[in-house]
Protein backbone atom coordinates (compact mmCIF):
# COMPACT_ATOMS: atom_id res chain seq x y z
CA MET A 1 -48.38 -0.07 -22.10
CA THR A 2 -50.04 0.47 -18.74
CA ASP A 3 -53.84 0.51 -18.85
CA PRO A 4 -54.89 4.09 -17.94
CA GLY A 5 -58.16 2.81 -16.49
CA VAL A 6 -60.37 4.17 -19.27
CA ALA A 7 -60.51 3.75 -23.02
CA LEU A 8 -58.76 6.86 -24.21
CA PRO A 9 -59.04 7.39 -28.00
CA ASP A 10 -56.34 5.84 -30.17
CA ASP A 11 -55.91 9.21 -31.89
CA PHE A 12 -54.98 10.74 -28.53
CA PHE A 13 -52.22 8.17 -28.00
CA LYS A 14 -50.97 8.72 -31.54
CA GLU A 15 -50.91 12.51 -31.12
CA VAL A 16 -48.94 12.35 -27.86
CA GLN A 17 -46.46 9.91 -29.36
CA GLN A 18 -46.08 12.06 -32.47
CA ILE A 19 -45.27 15.09 -30.31
CA PHE A 20 -42.50 13.15 -28.59
CA ARG A 21 -41.12 11.98 -31.92
CA GLN A 22 -40.52 15.68 -32.65
CA THR A 23 -38.16 15.86 -29.62
CA PRO A 24 -39.98 18.63 -27.74
CA ALA A 25 -38.12 21.27 -25.79
CA LEU A 26 -38.65 20.73 -22.06
CA LEU A 27 -39.96 23.50 -19.79
CA VAL A 28 -39.81 22.75 -16.06
CA GLY A 29 -41.69 24.88 -13.51
CA SER A 30 -41.98 25.02 -9.75
CA GLY A 31 -44.63 22.29 -9.63
CA PHE A 32 -41.98 19.79 -10.71
CA SER A 33 -39.65 20.64 -7.83
CA CYS A 34 -42.51 20.79 -5.33
CA GLY A 35 -42.97 17.10 -6.02
CA TYR A 36 -39.53 16.57 -4.47
CA GLY A 37 -40.21 18.71 -1.41
CA LEU A 38 -39.01 22.09 -2.67
CA PRO A 39 -41.09 25.04 -1.40
CA GLY A 40 -43.75 26.62 -3.57
CA MET A 41 -44.64 30.29 -3.59
CA GLY A 42 -46.79 29.90 -0.48
CA ALA A 43 -44.00 28.36 1.57
CA LEU A 44 -41.50 30.89 0.22
CA GLY A 45 -43.84 33.73 1.16
CA ALA A 46 -44.24 32.41 4.71
CA HIS A 47 -40.45 32.08 5.04
CA LEU A 48 -39.85 35.63 3.84
CA GLU A 49 -42.52 37.01 6.16
CA ALA A 50 -40.79 35.37 9.11
CA LYS A 51 -37.15 36.07 8.21
CA VAL A 52 -36.80 39.29 6.20
CA GLY A 53 -38.05 41.78 8.80
CA PRO A 54 -35.76 40.76 11.69
CA GLY A 55 -32.71 40.98 9.42
CA LEU A 56 -33.28 44.54 8.22
CA MET A 57 -30.96 47.14 9.74
CA SER A 58 -32.20 50.55 8.60
CA ALA A 59 -35.34 52.21 9.90
CA GLU A 60 -36.39 53.01 6.31
CA ALA A 61 -36.22 49.35 5.25
CA GLN A 62 -38.03 48.21 8.39
CA ALA A 63 -40.87 50.68 7.86
CA LEU A 64 -41.15 49.87 4.15
CA TRP A 65 -41.24 46.14 4.83
CA ALA A 66 -43.86 46.51 7.58
CA LYS A 67 -46.03 48.53 5.20
CA SER A 68 -45.67 45.87 2.48
CA LEU A 69 -46.35 42.81 4.66
CA PRO A 70 -50.18 42.69 4.33
CA ALA A 71 -49.94 42.66 0.51
CA VAL A 72 -47.04 40.17 0.59
CA HIS A 73 -49.13 37.89 2.80
CA ASP A 74 -52.04 37.98 0.32
CA ASN A 75 -49.90 37.38 -2.78
CA LEU A 76 -46.12 37.15 -2.58
CA GLU A 77 -45.08 38.42 -5.99
CA ALA A 78 -47.88 40.96 -6.36
CA GLY A 79 -47.13 42.27 -2.86
CA LEU A 80 -43.41 42.56 -3.52
CA ASN A 81 -44.11 44.37 -6.78
CA MET A 82 -45.84 47.11 -4.78
CA ILE A 83 -42.48 48.13 -3.29
CA PRO A 84 -41.62 51.17 -5.47
CA GLN A 85 -38.25 51.54 -7.14
CA GLY A 86 -35.93 54.20 -5.79
CA VAL A 87 -37.55 54.45 -2.38
CA ALA A 88 -35.24 54.42 0.66
CA GLY A 89 -34.76 50.92 2.05
CA ARG A 90 -35.80 49.10 -1.12
CA GLU A 91 -32.35 47.76 -2.04
CA GLU A 92 -31.83 46.44 1.48
CA ILE A 93 -35.14 44.59 1.26
CA VAL A 94 -34.28 43.12 -2.16
CA ALA A 95 -30.92 41.89 -0.85
CA ALA A 96 -32.62 40.31 2.16
CA ILE A 97 -35.24 38.62 -0.04
CA ARG A 98 -32.51 37.21 -2.28
CA ASP A 99 -30.48 35.96 0.69
CA GLU A 100 -33.40 34.30 2.48
CA THR A 101 -34.77 32.79 -0.74
CA ALA A 102 -31.39 31.23 -1.48
CA LYS A 103 -31.05 29.86 2.06
CA LEU A 104 -34.44 28.20 1.90
CA ILE A 105 -33.87 26.67 -1.56
CA LEU A 106 -30.35 25.51 -0.68
CA ALA A 107 -31.53 23.62 2.40
CA ALA A 108 -34.52 22.09 0.61
CA THR A 109 -32.42 21.10 -2.42
CA GLU A 110 -29.79 19.41 -0.26
CA LYS A 111 -32.50 17.34 1.45
CA ALA A 112 -34.21 16.47 -1.85
CA GLU A 113 -30.95 15.41 -3.49
CA ARG A 114 -30.06 13.12 -0.58
CA GLU A 115 -33.44 11.43 -0.91
CA ILE A 116 -33.15 11.13 -4.70
CA LEU A 117 -29.66 9.63 -4.49
CA ALA A 118 -30.99 6.92 -2.17
CA LEU A 119 -33.32 5.70 -4.93
CA ASN A 120 -32.69 3.55 -8.00
CA ALA A 121 -31.67 6.08 -10.66
CA ALA A 122 -32.86 3.94 -13.57
CA GLU A 123 -36.42 3.94 -12.22
CA LEU A 124 -36.72 7.72 -11.75
CA ALA A 125 -39.16 9.29 -14.21
CA PRO A 126 -37.04 12.43 -14.97
CA VAL A 127 -34.04 10.20 -15.74
CA ARG A 128 -36.11 8.06 -18.08
CA LEU A 129 -37.56 11.15 -19.77
CA LEU A 130 -34.18 12.78 -20.35
CA LYS A 131 -32.75 9.55 -21.79
CA MET A 132 -35.80 9.18 -24.04
CA LEU A 133 -35.49 12.71 -25.40
CA PHE A 134 -31.74 12.33 -25.83
CA SER A 135 -31.88 9.01 -27.67
CA GLY A 136 -34.90 10.03 -29.74
CA ALA A 137 -33.37 13.23 -31.11
CA PRO A 138 -32.04 13.18 -34.69
CA GLN A 139 -28.48 11.95 -35.05
CA ASN A 140 -27.20 15.36 -36.13
CA SER A 141 -28.92 17.27 -33.29
CA GLU A 142 -26.74 19.66 -31.33
CA CYS A 143 -28.69 19.46 -28.09
CA ILE A 144 -31.78 18.71 -26.08
CA SER A 145 -33.10 22.03 -24.79
CA VAL A 146 -34.34 22.27 -21.19
CA ILE A 147 -35.65 25.51 -19.63
CA THR A 148 -36.37 25.78 -15.94
CA THR A 149 -37.59 28.77 -13.95
CA ASN A 150 -36.49 27.01 -10.74
CA TYR A 151 -33.42 27.97 -8.71
CA ASP A 152 -32.66 24.44 -7.51
CA THR A 153 -30.25 21.97 -9.10
CA LEU A 154 -32.52 18.94 -9.46
CA ILE A 155 -32.38 18.95 -13.27
CA GLU A 156 -28.59 18.99 -13.07
CA LEU A 157 -28.70 15.98 -10.75
CA PHE A 158 -31.09 14.05 -13.00
CA CYS A 159 -28.80 14.69 -15.99
CA ASP A 160 -25.90 13.22 -14.00
CA LEU A 161 -27.98 10.20 -12.99
CA ALA A 162 -28.96 9.72 -16.65
CA GLU A 163 -25.22 9.96 -17.55
CA LEU A 164 -25.89 12.67 -20.12
CA ALA A 165 -23.56 15.53 -21.01
CA LEU A 166 -24.83 18.80 -19.53
CA ASP A 167 -24.11 22.35 -20.70
CA THR A 168 -25.20 25.18 -18.38
CA GLY A 169 -23.58 27.97 -20.41
CA PHE A 170 -20.59 28.13 -18.05
CA VAL A 171 -17.04 26.90 -18.62
CA GLY A 172 -14.25 26.10 -16.19
CA HIS A 173 -13.87 23.78 -13.23
CA ARG A 174 -13.88 25.36 -9.76
CA ARG A 175 -14.96 28.89 -10.74
CA ARG A 176 -16.99 28.43 -13.89
CA LYS A 177 -17.64 31.60 -15.88
CA PRO A 178 -20.37 32.34 -18.46
CA ARG A 179 -19.10 31.92 -22.01
CA GLY A 180 -20.27 35.38 -22.94
CA SER A 181 -23.14 36.62 -25.08
CA ALA A 182 -23.23 33.23 -26.86
CA LEU A 183 -23.67 31.08 -23.77
CA PHE A 184 -24.10 27.75 -25.54
CA GLN A 185 -21.82 26.19 -28.15
CA THR A 186 -22.05 23.06 -30.25
CA GLN A 187 -19.74 20.30 -29.01
CA TYR A 188 -18.06 18.07 -31.60
CA SER A 189 -16.54 14.60 -31.57
CA ARG A 190 -13.49 13.83 -33.66
CA SER A 191 -13.03 10.45 -35.29
CA TRP A 192 -11.46 8.79 -38.30
CA ALA A 193 -13.78 7.88 -41.19
CA PRO A 194 -13.03 6.07 -44.47
CA GLU A 195 -12.78 8.13 -47.66
CA LYS A 196 -14.53 7.14 -50.90
CA ARG A 197 -11.16 6.71 -52.62
CA GLY A 198 -9.73 4.68 -49.80
CA GLY A 199 -7.70 5.85 -46.89
CA MET A 200 -9.02 7.70 -43.83
CA GLN A 201 -10.07 11.25 -43.02
CA ILE A 202 -10.91 13.11 -39.83
CA ASP A 203 -14.66 13.46 -39.31
CA HIS A 204 -16.23 15.99 -36.92
CA ARG A 205 -19.78 15.38 -35.78
CA PRO A 206 -21.95 17.25 -33.29
CA CYS A 207 -22.08 15.69 -29.82
CA LYS A 208 -25.51 16.09 -28.29
CA THR A 209 -25.72 17.76 -24.90
CA ILE A 210 -28.50 18.78 -22.55
CA ARG A 211 -28.56 22.59 -22.72
CA LEU A 212 -29.98 23.91 -19.48
CA HIS A 213 -31.43 27.43 -19.54
CA LYS A 214 -32.14 29.02 -16.15
CA PRO A 215 -33.64 32.48 -16.84
CA HIS A 216 -34.21 33.18 -13.12
CA GLY A 217 -30.73 32.09 -12.06
CA SER A 218 -29.59 29.27 -9.84
CA ILE A 219 -28.46 28.57 -6.30
CA SER A 220 -25.23 27.36 -7.92
CA TRP A 221 -24.58 30.83 -9.39
CA LEU A 222 -22.67 33.24 -7.17
CA ALA A 223 -22.59 37.02 -7.49
CA THR A 224 -18.96 38.18 -7.25
CA GLU A 225 -17.16 41.47 -7.84
CA HIS A 226 -15.89 39.99 -11.14
CA GLY A 227 -19.35 38.95 -12.30
CA PRO A 228 -21.50 35.84 -11.83
CA ILE A 229 -19.77 32.48 -11.62
CA GLU A 230 -21.02 28.94 -11.17
CA VAL A 231 -19.60 27.06 -8.19
CA LEU A 232 -21.00 23.74 -7.02
CA ASN A 233 -20.48 24.55 -3.36
CA ALA A 234 -23.50 24.89 -1.09
CA ASP A 235 -21.33 26.21 1.78
CA SER A 236 -20.24 29.42 0.05
CA VAL A 237 -21.24 32.60 1.85
CA ALA A 238 -21.32 34.62 -1.39
CA ALA A 239 -24.65 36.04 -2.54
CA ARG A 240 -26.51 33.81 -4.98
CA ALA A 241 -27.17 35.16 -8.46
CA ILE A 242 -30.92 34.65 -8.65
CA VAL A 243 -33.78 36.81 -9.90
CA VAL A 244 -36.11 37.06 -6.90
CA PRO A 245 -39.88 37.51 -7.16
CA GLY A 246 -41.19 41.04 -7.09
CA PRO A 247 -39.31 44.33 -7.30
CA SER A 248 -36.09 43.24 -8.98
CA LYS A 249 -37.31 40.40 -11.19
CA TYR A 250 -37.28 42.04 -14.59
CA GLN A 251 -34.85 44.78 -13.61
CA ASP A 252 -32.20 42.13 -12.91
CA ALA A 253 -33.01 40.31 -16.12
CA LEU A 254 -32.61 43.50 -18.15
CA VAL A 255 -29.49 45.05 -16.66
CA ASN A 256 -27.44 41.91 -15.95
CA VAL A 257 -25.49 40.62 -18.96
CA LEU A 258 -25.78 36.97 -17.91
CA PHE A 259 -29.53 37.05 -17.37
CA ASP A 260 -30.05 38.99 -20.59
CA SER A 261 -27.99 36.43 -22.54
CA MET A 262 -29.80 33.52 -20.91
CA ARG A 263 -33.17 35.04 -21.76
CA THR A 264 -32.10 35.62 -25.38
CA GLU A 265 -30.96 32.00 -25.71
CA MET A 266 -34.19 30.81 -24.10
CA ASN A 267 -36.31 32.84 -26.52
CA SER A 268 -34.40 31.30 -29.43
CA VAL A 269 -35.08 27.80 -28.09
CA ILE A 270 -38.83 28.39 -27.83
CA THR A 271 -38.95 30.11 -31.21
CA ALA A 272 -37.23 27.16 -32.89
CA ALA A 273 -38.96 24.39 -30.93
CA SER A 274 -41.01 21.93 -32.96
CA ALA A 275 -43.00 21.10 -29.81
CA LEU A 276 -42.99 21.88 -26.08
CA LEU A 277 -43.38 19.66 -23.02
CA CYS A 278 -44.19 21.54 -19.80
CA LEU A 279 -43.81 19.93 -16.38
CA GLY A 280 -45.29 21.72 -13.36
CA PHE A 281 -45.39 25.08 -15.14
CA GLY A 282 -48.25 27.41 -14.20
CA PHE A 283 -47.85 30.01 -16.99
CA ASN A 284 -47.48 32.78 -14.43
CA ASP A 285 -44.21 34.14 -15.85
CA ASP A 286 -45.24 37.07 -18.05
CA HIS A 287 -42.20 36.97 -20.31
CA LEU A 288 -42.18 33.21 -20.92
CA GLN A 289 -45.92 33.13 -21.36
CA GLY A 290 -45.72 35.79 -24.06
CA VAL A 291 -43.05 33.96 -26.08
CA ILE A 292 -44.88 30.64 -25.79
CA ARG A 293 -48.19 32.18 -26.85
CA GLY A 294 -46.52 33.46 -30.01
CA ARG A 295 -45.51 29.89 -30.90
CA LEU A 296 -48.91 28.49 -29.94
CA ASN A 297 -50.48 31.01 -32.31
CA ALA A 298 -48.39 29.38 -35.03
CA GLY A 299 -49.77 25.95 -34.08
CA MET A 300 -46.82 24.56 -32.10
CA PRO A 301 -47.87 21.33 -30.32
CA MET A 302 -47.63 21.42 -26.53
CA VAL A 303 -48.17 18.93 -23.71
CA LEU A 304 -48.69 20.27 -20.19
CA LEU A 305 -48.48 18.03 -17.12
CA THR A 306 -49.17 19.61 -13.74
CA ARG A 307 -51.27 19.05 -10.64
CA GLY A 308 -53.70 21.95 -10.88
CA LYS A 309 -54.86 24.58 -13.35
CA THR A 310 -53.95 28.20 -12.69
CA PRO A 311 -56.12 30.96 -14.22
CA SER A 312 -53.37 31.44 -16.81
CA ILE A 313 -53.50 27.75 -17.74
CA GLU A 314 -57.29 27.94 -18.04
CA GLN A 315 -56.87 30.80 -20.51
CA VAL A 316 -54.26 28.89 -22.53
CA LEU A 317 -56.54 25.85 -22.80
CA LYS A 318 -59.46 28.04 -23.87
CA THR A 319 -57.44 29.95 -26.48
CA TYR A 320 -55.44 27.01 -27.86
CA PRO A 321 -57.56 23.83 -27.96
CA HIS A 322 -54.71 21.96 -29.66
CA VAL A 323 -52.76 22.04 -26.35
CA VAL A 324 -52.79 18.72 -24.51
CA GLY A 325 -53.28 19.33 -20.77
CA VAL A 326 -53.20 16.62 -18.11
CA PHE A 327 -54.12 17.56 -14.52
CA SER A 328 -54.95 15.96 -11.19
CA ASP A 329 -58.52 14.80 -10.65
CA GLY A 330 -58.76 13.09 -7.27
CA THR A 331 -56.75 9.88 -7.63
CA GLY A 332 -57.00 10.09 -11.40
CA ALA A 333 -56.51 12.65 -14.14
CA GLU A 334 -58.42 15.26 -16.10
CA ILE A 335 -57.27 15.45 -19.73
CA HIS A 336 -57.91 18.38 -22.09
CA TRP A 337 -57.57 17.50 -25.77
CA ARG A 338 -59.01 19.11 -28.91
CA GLY A 339 -61.50 21.15 -26.90
CA THR A 340 -62.86 18.14 -25.00
CA ILE A 341 -62.33 16.96 -21.42
CA MET A 342 -61.63 13.28 -20.69
CA ARG A 343 -61.04 11.55 -17.39
CA ALA A 344 -58.77 8.67 -16.46
CA SER A 345 -58.60 6.67 -13.24
CA SER A 346 -54.78 6.70 -13.22
CA PRO A 347 -52.82 9.85 -12.20
CA LEU A 348 -51.54 10.46 -15.71
CA TRP A 349 -50.53 14.02 -14.77
CA GLN A 350 -47.60 12.48 -12.89
CA LEU A 351 -44.61 11.99 -15.16
CA ASP A 352 -44.02 8.36 -14.16
CA ASP A 353 -47.59 7.29 -15.03
CA PHE A 354 -47.59 9.40 -18.18
CA LEU A 355 -44.40 7.81 -19.51
CA LYS A 356 -45.52 4.25 -18.72
CA THR A 357 -48.93 4.78 -20.31
CA PHE A 358 -48.04 6.58 -23.52
CA LEU A 359 -44.35 6.11 -24.29
CA GLU A 360 -42.76 3.07 -22.63
C-alpha cells in the first residue's frame, strides 16, 4: 500500500476496506467529470449567458431572458428556477437552454474522450475501480449499480476500457429504445453442467453487468417524435433528451416516461444498496439527497470523495458522523471519520491515490 504521509488509524483502513467488500453502489457527480475537463455549473452558466439570448426569436422570450439574467448570473439553477411556468416565452427559453447545454457538453466530452483514449487504459483509476467492484461482487450478483447525474458519456467509455458489459436500459443497435417501465433486466449465461446422477443439464446463471442509471438524461439520448432513443452519434442534429437545470428539471422527470422509469430504478438501487461510494457529488440534487438521507438514517455506510465541501455536504457530515468524507486540503487531504477530522499529506480525495492507499 502507498504511504499516505501520516499514520491513519488501522481501524479507518479496515472500515474503508469493509465498505468495499460490500460492493457499494457508485454515485458519480459533476466533480468527477470536471476532473476530465467537463464544464461545471459556473462554466455552464457563463456559456448560457453568452449563447441563449442571441438565439431567442420572440420578443416575449427575449424580455423574459433579459429579466432573468441577473439572477442566473448569481446562481444558475436558482436563477433559472425563477422563470415562472406558463409565462409567454418560457418554453422557447427552456429549449434554448437544453440545446446550448448539449452543445457545450458534446464538445467537451469529445475532447475529454480523445485525451482519455490516448492514455494507458489499465492505469486509469475509474477503470481500476470498475474492475474492482465487478470482480469483488458476489458470484450470483446481477449487476454493479452506477448512478450518474452527468450528461456526458465518460462512464460508458470507462466501462468499455475496462471490458465490462454495460446496460443503459436501452436495447437495439443503431436506434436503441428504452426497454419500458422495467428498464433493466438480468442477463443470463447458458452452459452445460453435470447432474448428480450423471449426464449433463443446461445451467442458467446471472451474468453481471454494469447498470448505468442517468436520471438527468444523456447527450447520447435523442428526443424524437417516437420517444427518446439512444444513438451513439455526436453529429445528430436532433434535440438531446436531457433534464436541464432550472425550470424544467423536475417537470421533465415527472411527465416523461423514460425519466420517471429511470428515477424509479435509481431509487430502488439506493434503497437496496449495502453501501454507497460517491465521486464528485455535491449533494445539491434535492431528490437524490432525500433518498440517500433515508438510507443514511438507517445506518448505510457511505464514502464520499470530492474536492471541496458544499453546504449540503457539511450538513451530511454533521448529521451522519458515520459517513467517511475525503476532501482536498492544499496538496493533501482532509478526512472526516466518526466525527473527527484527520489530515493526510497525500491527495487521498483523488480516486487514484485513494485506490492505491486503501485497496490496491
